[in-house]
C-alpha atoms as a PDB file:
ATOM      1  CA  MET A   1       3.905   9.411  -9.022  1.00  0.00           C
ATOM      2  CA  SER A   2       0.679  11.065  -7.896  1.00  0.00           C
ATOM      3  CA  LEU A   3      -1.166  10.212  -4.715  1.00  0.00           C
ATOM      4  CA  PRO A   4      -4.459   8.343  -5.051  1.00  0.00           C
ATOM      5  CA  PRO A   5      -7.488  10.507  -4.105  1.00  0.00           C
ATOM      6  CA  LEU A   6      -8.353  10.645  -0.394  1.00  0.00           C
ATOM      7  CA  SER A   7     -12.014   9.938  -1.220  1.00  0.00           C
ATOM      8  CA  MET A   8     -11.048   6.318  -2.039  1.00  0.00           C
ATOM      9  CA  THR A   9     -10.925   3.623   0.640  1.00  0.00           C
ATOM     10  CA  LEU A  10      -7.469   2.848   1.980  1.00  0.00           C
ATOM     11  CA  ARG A  11      -7.579  -0.552   0.257  1.00  0.00           C
ATOM     12  CA  ASP A  12      -8.389   1.097  -3.079  1.00  0.00           C
ATOM     13  CA  ARG A  13      -5.656   3.696  -2.541  1.00  0.00           C
ATOM     14  CA  ILE A  14      -3.094   0.933  -1.902  1.00  0.00           C
ATOM     15  CA  LEU A  15      -4.151  -0.939  -5.038  1.00  0.00           C
ATOM     16  CA  ALA A  16      -4.127   2.225  -7.148  1.00  0.00           C
ATOM     17  CA  LEU A  17      -0.615   3.028  -5.944  1.00  0.00           C
ATOM     18  CA  VAL A  18       0.851  -0.413  -6.651  1.00  0.00           C
ATOM     19  CA  ARG A  19      -0.802  -0.542 -10.102  1.00  0.00           C
ATOM     20  CA  GLU A  20       0.978   2.615 -11.264  1.00  0.00           C
ATOM     21  CA  ALA A  21       3.566   1.882 -13.934  1.00  0.00           C
ATOM     22  CA  SER A  22       6.177   3.835 -11.961  1.00  0.00           C
ATOM     23  CA  PHE A  23       5.581   1.908  -8.699  1.00  0.00           C
ATOM     24  CA  VAL A  24       8.699   0.469  -7.096  1.00  0.00           C
ATOM     25  CA  PRO A  25       8.168  -2.301  -4.483  1.00  0.00           C
ATOM     26  CA  ALA A  26       8.153  -0.916  -0.948  1.00  0.00           C
ATOM     27  CA  ASP A  27       7.880  -2.085   2.645  1.00  0.00           C
ATOM     28  CA  GLU A  28       4.934  -1.008   4.792  1.00  0.00           C
ATOM     29  CA  PRO A  29       6.532   2.130   6.312  1.00  0.00           C
ATOM     30  CA  GLU A  30       7.518   3.325   2.831  1.00  0.00           C
ATOM     31  CA  LEU A  31       4.044   2.524   1.519  1.00  0.00           C
ATOM     32  CA  ALA A  32       2.539   4.591   4.353  1.00  0.00           C
ATOM     33  CA  ARG A  33       4.838   7.492   3.463  1.00  0.00           C
ATOM     34  CA  ARG A  34       3.938   7.307  -0.225  1.00  0.00           C
ATOM     35  CA  LEU A  35       0.246   7.298   0.664  1.00  0.00           C
ATOM     36  CA  GLY A  36       0.710  10.255   3.023  1.00  0.00           C
ATOM     37  CA  LEU A  37      -0.707   8.337   5.991  1.00  0.00           C
ATOM     38  CA  PRO A  38      -0.246   9.640   9.517  1.00  0.00           C
ATOM     39  CA  LYS A  39       1.263   7.214  12.050  1.00  0.00           C
ATOM     40  CA  LYS A  40      -2.198   6.699  13.567  1.00  0.00           C
ATOM     41  CA  GLN A  41      -3.337   4.927  10.395  1.00  0.00           C
ATOM     42  CA  ARG A  42      -0.434   2.490  10.159  1.00  0.00           C
ATOM     43  CA  SER A  43      -2.343  -0.240  12.000  1.00  0.00           C
ATOM     44  CA  GLN A  44      -5.150   0.127   9.464  1.00  0.00           C
ATOM     45  CA  LEU A  45      -2.561  -0.085   6.673  1.00  0.00           C
ATOM     46  CA  LYS A  46      -1.163  -3.303   8.158  1.00  0.00           C
ATOM     47  CA  PHE A  47      -4.664  -4.763   8.338  1.00  0.00           C
ATOM     48  CA  GLU A  48      -5.421  -3.869   4.717  1.00  0.00           C
ATOM     49  CA  VAL A  49      -2.051  -5.195   3.523  1.00  0.00           C
ATOM     50  CA  ARG A  50      -2.674  -8.524   5.300  1.00  0.00           C
ATOM     51  CA  GLN A  51      -6.099  -8.787   3.662  1.00  0.00           C
ATOM     52  CA  LEU A  52      -4.702  -7.988   0.213  1.00  0.00           C
ATOM     53  CA  LEU A  53      -1.889 -10.516   0.670  1.00  0.00           C
ATOM     54  CA  ARG A  54      -4.399 -13.164   1.772  1.00  0.00           C
ATOM     55  CA  ASP A  55      -6.625 -12.410  -1.240  1.00  0.00           C
ATOM     56  CA  GLY A  56      -3.627 -12.631  -3.603  1.00  0.00           C
ATOM     57  CA  ARG A  57      -3.984  -8.994  -4.707  1.00  0.00           C
ATOM     58  CA  LEU A  58      -0.559  -8.068  -3.287  1.00  0.00           C
ATOM     59  CA  ALA A  59       2.635 -10.113  -3.013  1.00  0.00           C
ATOM     60  CA  ARG A  60       5.708  -9.874  -0.822  1.00  0.00           C
ATOM     61  CA  GLY A  61       8.944  -9.759  -2.729  1.00  0.00           C
ATOM     62  CA  ALA A  62      12.565  -9.531  -1.731  1.00  0.00           C
ATOM     63  CA  HIS A  63      13.277  -8.084   1.711  1.00  0.00           C
ATOM     64  CA  GLY A  64       9.554  -8.077   2.568  1.00  0.00           C
ATOM     65  CA  ARG A  65       8.712  -5.420  -0.007  1.00  0.00           C
ATOM     66  CA  LEU A  66       5.189  -5.312  -1.330  1.00  0.00           C
ATOM     67  CA  ALA A  67       4.384  -5.493  -5.004  1.00  0.00           C
END
């Protein structure tokens, strides 16, 4: 699994990651790790995840994992 380009917005990077055929559902800390985000950006990740969940572009599965 390759990392989405850093030139993309965080929202686009999240969507690119979850659209990969090899993506396995993950919780937010694991998603941050896979995206290579520093701890400082985790609040931004949470914000983007909430927006994507609200818009129906992401879903929460078992154990709160995102898919």
